[in-house]
Amino acid sequence: MRAAVDRHPHQAAITYATEQITALTGIPPRITHEPDGIRIETDVTDHLLHHWEQLLAVLELGTSFGLTDTGVGGQVAWMRFDTGEVCP
């Protein structure tokens, strides 16, 4: 998986975002390789809510970002980096 991230055109931003989310939450974010991009997500905890401005600054690095309701009382903050091309 690491090799796929290293070849991404937004490699530096992805690495920085991953490091910052890990520092804010204490655990590495989930990284999903999609056909045309990379999605990074983390659970929104009470602790993370106290650092919302810092998280928002990190999320804004992505091509897109948002919050998803998990349906069980939680939320997931996510960001996505588009590659602009469909990869196999």
Protein backbone atom coordinates (compact mmCIF):
# COMPACT_ATOMS: atom_id res chain seq x y z
CA MET A 1 0.00 0.00 0.00
CA ARG A 2 2.79 2.41 0.82
CA ALA A 3 4.14 2.22 -2.75
CA ALA A 4 0.76 3.32 -4.15
CA VAL A 5 0.76 6.39 -1.88
CA ASP A 6 4.38 7.19 -2.87
CA ARG A 7 3.42 7.37 -6.57
CA HIS A 8 0.43 9.65 -6.00
CA PRO A 9 0.77 13.20 -7.40
CA HIS A 10 -0.21 14.63 -4.01
CA GLN A 11 2.31 12.49 -2.11
CA ALA A 12 3.66 15.26 0.13
CA ALA A 13 0.17 16.45 1.14
CA ILE A 14 -1.00 12.87 1.78
CA THR A 15 2.02 12.14 3.97
CA TYR A 16 1.61 15.42 5.87
CA ALA A 17 -2.15 14.90 6.36
CA THR A 18 -1.61 11.35 7.60
CA GLU A 19 1.03 12.51 10.08
CA GLN A 20 -1.13 15.40 11.33
CA ILE A 21 -4.24 13.26 11.80
CA THR A 22 -2.16 10.69 13.66
CA ALA A 23 -0.79 13.45 15.92
CA LEU A 24 -4.29 14.82 16.59
CA THR A 25 -5.98 11.47 17.24
CA GLY A 26 -3.19 9.24 18.52
CA ILE A 27 -3.92 6.61 15.86
CA PRO A 28 -3.21 6.48 12.12
CA PRO A 29 -6.15 7.35 9.86
CA ARG A 30 -7.72 4.80 7.54
CA ILE A 31 -6.43 5.10 3.98
CA THR A 32 -8.48 3.73 1.09
CA HIS A 33 -7.07 3.49 -2.41
CA GLU A 34 -9.88 4.17 -4.87
CA PRO A 35 -9.73 3.82 -8.68
CA ASP A 36 -9.26 7.58 -9.19
CA GLY A 37 -7.88 8.78 -5.87
CA ILE A 38 -7.00 8.22 -2.25
CA ARG A 39 -9.39 8.70 0.67
CA ILE A 40 -8.17 9.35 4.22
CA GLU A 41 -10.61 9.14 7.13
CA THR A 42 -10.76 9.17 10.91
CA ASP A 43 -13.47 8.82 13.53
CA VAL A 44 -14.58 12.07 15.14
CA THR A 45 -14.13 11.65 18.89
CA ASP A 46 -14.78 14.04 21.78
CA HIS A 47 -11.01 14.59 21.98
CA LEU A 48 -10.85 15.47 18.27
CA LEU A 49 -13.71 17.94 18.64
CA HIS A 50 -11.46 19.97 20.95
CA HIS A 51 -8.96 20.23 18.07
CA TRP A 52 -11.51 20.91 15.34
CA GLU A 53 -9.73 23.94 13.86
CA GLN A 54 -6.49 21.98 13.46
CA LEU A 55 -8.36 19.05 11.89
CA LEU A 56 -10.18 21.36 9.50
CA ALA A 57 -6.87 22.88 8.37
CA VAL A 58 -5.63 19.37 7.54
CA LEU A 59 -8.85 18.32 5.78
CA GLU A 60 -8.67 21.40 3.55
CA LEU A 61 -5.49 19.98 1.98
CA GLY A 62 -7.57 17.41 0.11
CA THR A 63 -9.29 17.80 -3.24
CA SER A 64 -12.52 17.38 -1.28
CA PHE A 65 -13.43 16.72 2.35
CA GLY A 66 -16.43 16.30 4.61
CA LEU A 67 -18.17 14.55 7.47
CA THR A 68 -20.20 11.36 7.21
CA ASP A 69 -22.73 10.23 9.81
CA THR A 70 -22.10 6.57 10.68
CA GLY A 71 -25.75 5.95 11.54
CA VAL A 72 -24.81 4.67 15.00
CA GLY A 73 -24.22 7.99 16.69
CA GLY A 74 -20.76 8.69 15.33
CA GLN A 75 -19.16 10.70 12.57
CA VAL A 76 -16.23 10.16 10.26
CA ALA A 77 -14.12 13.07 8.97
CA TRP A 78 -12.71 12.34 5.53
CA MET A 79 -10.59 13.90 2.85
CA ARG A 80 -9.92 12.78 -0.69
CA PHE A 81 -7.09 13.38 -3.12
CA ASP A 82 -8.13 12.92 -6.74
CA THR A 83 -5.63 11.64 -9.27
CA GLY A 84 -7.65 12.80 -12.24
CA GLU A 85 -7.27 9.41 -13.89
CA VAL A 86 -8.82 6.00 -13.36
CA CYS A 87 -6.28 3.44 -12.16
CA PRO A 88 -6.84 -0.33 -12.50
